[in-house]
């Protein structure tokens, strides 16, 4: 099986998580703006917060995965 096929479900899950989180924060911001009459400031702030948080999460998860894979590779090379 190709590498693309084995990683596709994980990529789809990550994409849906990002989209879902941003959508939830848009709705929260929209609700707060409607209650306070401050349209669109809270919605914009919530979207920016959601996007920044998701990309930071992706960055740290990616770094952790790469560190784990690099240590596995080092162990495999030294065990030869």
C-alpha atoms as a PDB file:
ATOM      1  CA  UNK A   1       0.000   0.000   0.000  1.00  0.00           C
ATOM      2  CA  UNK A   2       1.351   3.455  -0.827  1.00  0.00           C
ATOM      3  CA  UNK A   3       2.376   5.978   1.785  1.00  0.00           C
ATOM      4  CA  UNK A   4      -0.321   8.384   0.615  1.00  0.00           C
ATOM      5  CA  UNK A   5      -3.039   5.780   1.100  1.00  0.00           C
ATOM      6  CA  UNK A   6      -1.891   4.901   4.613  1.00  0.00           C
ATOM      7  CA  UNK A   7      -1.744   8.519   5.776  1.00  0.00           C
ATOM      8  CA  UNK A   8      -4.912   9.776   4.056  1.00  0.00           C
ATOM      9  CA  UNK A   9      -7.345   8.952   6.898  1.00  0.00           C
ATOM     10  CA  UNK A  10      -5.084  10.752   9.414  1.00  0.00           C
ATOM     11  CA  UNK A  11      -4.836  13.798   7.144  1.00  0.00           C
ATOM     12  CA  UNK A  12      -8.589  13.892   6.621  1.00  0.00           C
ATOM     13  CA  UNK A  13      -9.114  13.685  10.377  1.00  0.00           C
ATOM     14  CA  UNK A  14      -6.709  16.564  11.011  1.00  0.00           C
ATOM     15  CA  UNK A  15      -8.374  18.687   8.333  1.00  0.00           C
ATOM     16  CA  UNK A  16     -11.836  18.022   9.752  1.00  0.00           C
ATOM     17  CA  UNK A  17     -10.582  18.856  13.248  1.00  0.00           C
ATOM     18  CA  UNK A  18      -9.230  22.214  12.072  1.00  0.00           C
ATOM     19  CA  UNK A  19     -12.399  23.053  10.141  1.00  0.00           C
ATOM     20  CA  UNK A  20     -14.654  21.930  12.984  1.00  0.00           C
ATOM     21  CA  UNK A  21     -12.759  23.904  15.601  1.00  0.00           C
ATOM     22  CA  UNK A  22     -12.812  27.068  13.521  1.00  0.00           C
ATOM     23  CA  UNK A  23     -16.552  26.608  12.855  1.00  0.00           C
ATOM     24  CA  UNK A  24     -17.298  26.186  16.559  1.00  0.00           C
ATOM     25  CA  UNK A  25     -15.301  29.312  17.407  1.00  0.00           C
ATOM     26  CA  UNK A  26     -17.056  31.278  14.636  1.00  0.00           C
ATOM     27  CA  UNK A  27     -20.401  30.312  16.145  1.00  0.00           C
ATOM     28  CA  UNK A  28     -19.265  31.213  19.666  1.00  0.00           C
ATOM     29  CA  UNK A  29     -17.998  34.592  18.440  1.00  0.00           C
ATOM     30  CA  UNK A  30     -21.191  35.200  16.476  1.00  0.00           C
ATOM     31  CA  UNK A  31     -23.307  34.391  19.551  1.00  0.00           C
ATOM     32  CA  UNK A  32     -21.270  36.695  21.816  1.00  0.00           C
ATOM     33  CA  UNK A  33     -21.394  39.492  19.214  1.00  0.00           C
ATOM     34  CA  UNK A  34     -25.164  39.160  18.913  1.00  0.00           C
ATOM     35  CA  UNK A  35     -25.601  39.319  22.697  1.00  0.00           C
ATOM     36  CA  UNK A  36     -23.271  42.295  23.140  1.00  0.00           C
ATOM     37  CA  UNK A  37     -24.003  44.094  19.860  1.00  0.00           C
ATOM     38  CA  UNK A  38     -20.311  44.251  19.009  1.00  0.00           C
ATOM     39  CA  UNK A  39     -20.427  42.632  15.567  1.00  0.00           C
ATOM     40  CA  UNK A  40     -17.955  41.335  14.220  1.00  0.00           C
ATOM     41  CA  UNK A  41     -15.155  41.789  16.778  1.00  0.00           C
ATOM     42  CA  UNK A  42     -15.643  38.710  18.947  1.00  0.00           C
ATOM     43  CA  UNK A  43     -16.196  36.524  15.893  1.00  0.00           C
ATOM     44  CA  UNK A  44     -12.922  37.729  14.359  1.00  0.00           C
ATOM     45  CA  UNK A  45     -11.069  37.288  17.663  1.00  0.00           C
ATOM     46  CA  UNK A  46     -12.446  33.760  18.110  1.00  0.00           C
ATOM     47  CA  UNK A  47     -11.476  32.757  14.562  1.00  0.00           C
ATOM     48  CA  UNK A  48      -7.935  34.094  14.995  1.00  0.00           C
ATOM     49  CA  UNK A  49      -7.646  32.301  18.350  1.00  0.00           C
ATOM     50  CA  UNK A  50      -8.895  29.022  16.852  1.00  0.00           C
ATOM     51  CA  UNK A  51      -6.579  29.173  13.833  1.00  0.00           C
ATOM     52  CA  UNK A  52      -3.501  30.070  15.887  1.00  0.00           C
ATOM     53  CA  UNK A  53      -4.255  27.360  18.453  1.00  0.00           C
ATOM     54  CA  UNK A  54      -4.775  24.700  15.764  1.00  0.00           C
ATOM     55  CA  UNK A  55      -1.559  25.537  13.964  1.00  0.00           C
ATOM     56  CA  UNK A  56       0.397  25.551  17.234  1.00  0.00           C
ATOM     57  CA  UNK A  57      -1.081  22.145  18.031  1.00  0.00           C
ATOM     58  CA  UNK A  58      -0.105  20.837  14.582  1.00  0.00           C
ATOM     59  CA  UNK A  59       3.415  22.223  15.015  1.00  0.00           C
ATOM     60  CA  UNK A  60       3.969  20.565  18.400  1.00  0.00           C
ATOM     61  CA  UNK A  61       2.413  17.255  17.349  1.00  0.00           C
ATOM     62  CA  UNK A  62       4.557  17.224  14.198  1.00  0.00           C
ATOM     63  CA  UNK A  63       7.729  17.973  16.167  1.00  0.00           C
ATOM     64  CA  UNK A  64       6.935  15.217  18.666  1.00  0.00           C
ATOM     65  CA  UNK A  65       6.328  12.720  15.860  1.00  0.00           C
ATOM     66  CA  UNK A  66       9.549  13.685  14.097  1.00  0.00           C
ATOM     67  CA  UNK A  67      11.553  13.386  17.330  1.00  0.00           C
ATOM     68  CA  UNK A  68      10.090   9.941  17.933  1.00  0.00           C
ATOM     69  CA  UNK A  69      10.862   8.811  14.375  1.00  0.00           C
ATOM     70  CA  UNK A  70      14.399  10.206  14.529  1.00  0.00           C
ATOM     71  CA  UNK A  71      15.089   8.349  17.786  1.00  0.00           C
ATOM     72  CA  UNK A  72      13.711   5.123  16.277  1.00  0.00           C
ATOM     73  CA  UNK A  73      15.962   5.614  13.266  1.00  0.00           C
ATOM     74  CA  UNK A  74      19.013   6.235  15.468  1.00  0.00           C
ATOM     75  CA  UNK A  75      18.242   3.077  17.454  1.00  0.00           C
ATOM     76  CA  UNK A  76      17.903   1.053  14.262  1.00  0.00           C
ATOM     77  CA  UNK A  77      21.215   2.340  12.928  1.00  0.00           C
ATOM     78  CA  UNK A  78      23.061   1.651  16.202  1.00  0.00           C
ATOM     79  CA  UNK A  79      21.595  -1.840  16.564  1.00  0.00           C
ATOM     80  CA  UNK A  80      23.172  -2.998  13.306  1.00  0.00           C
END
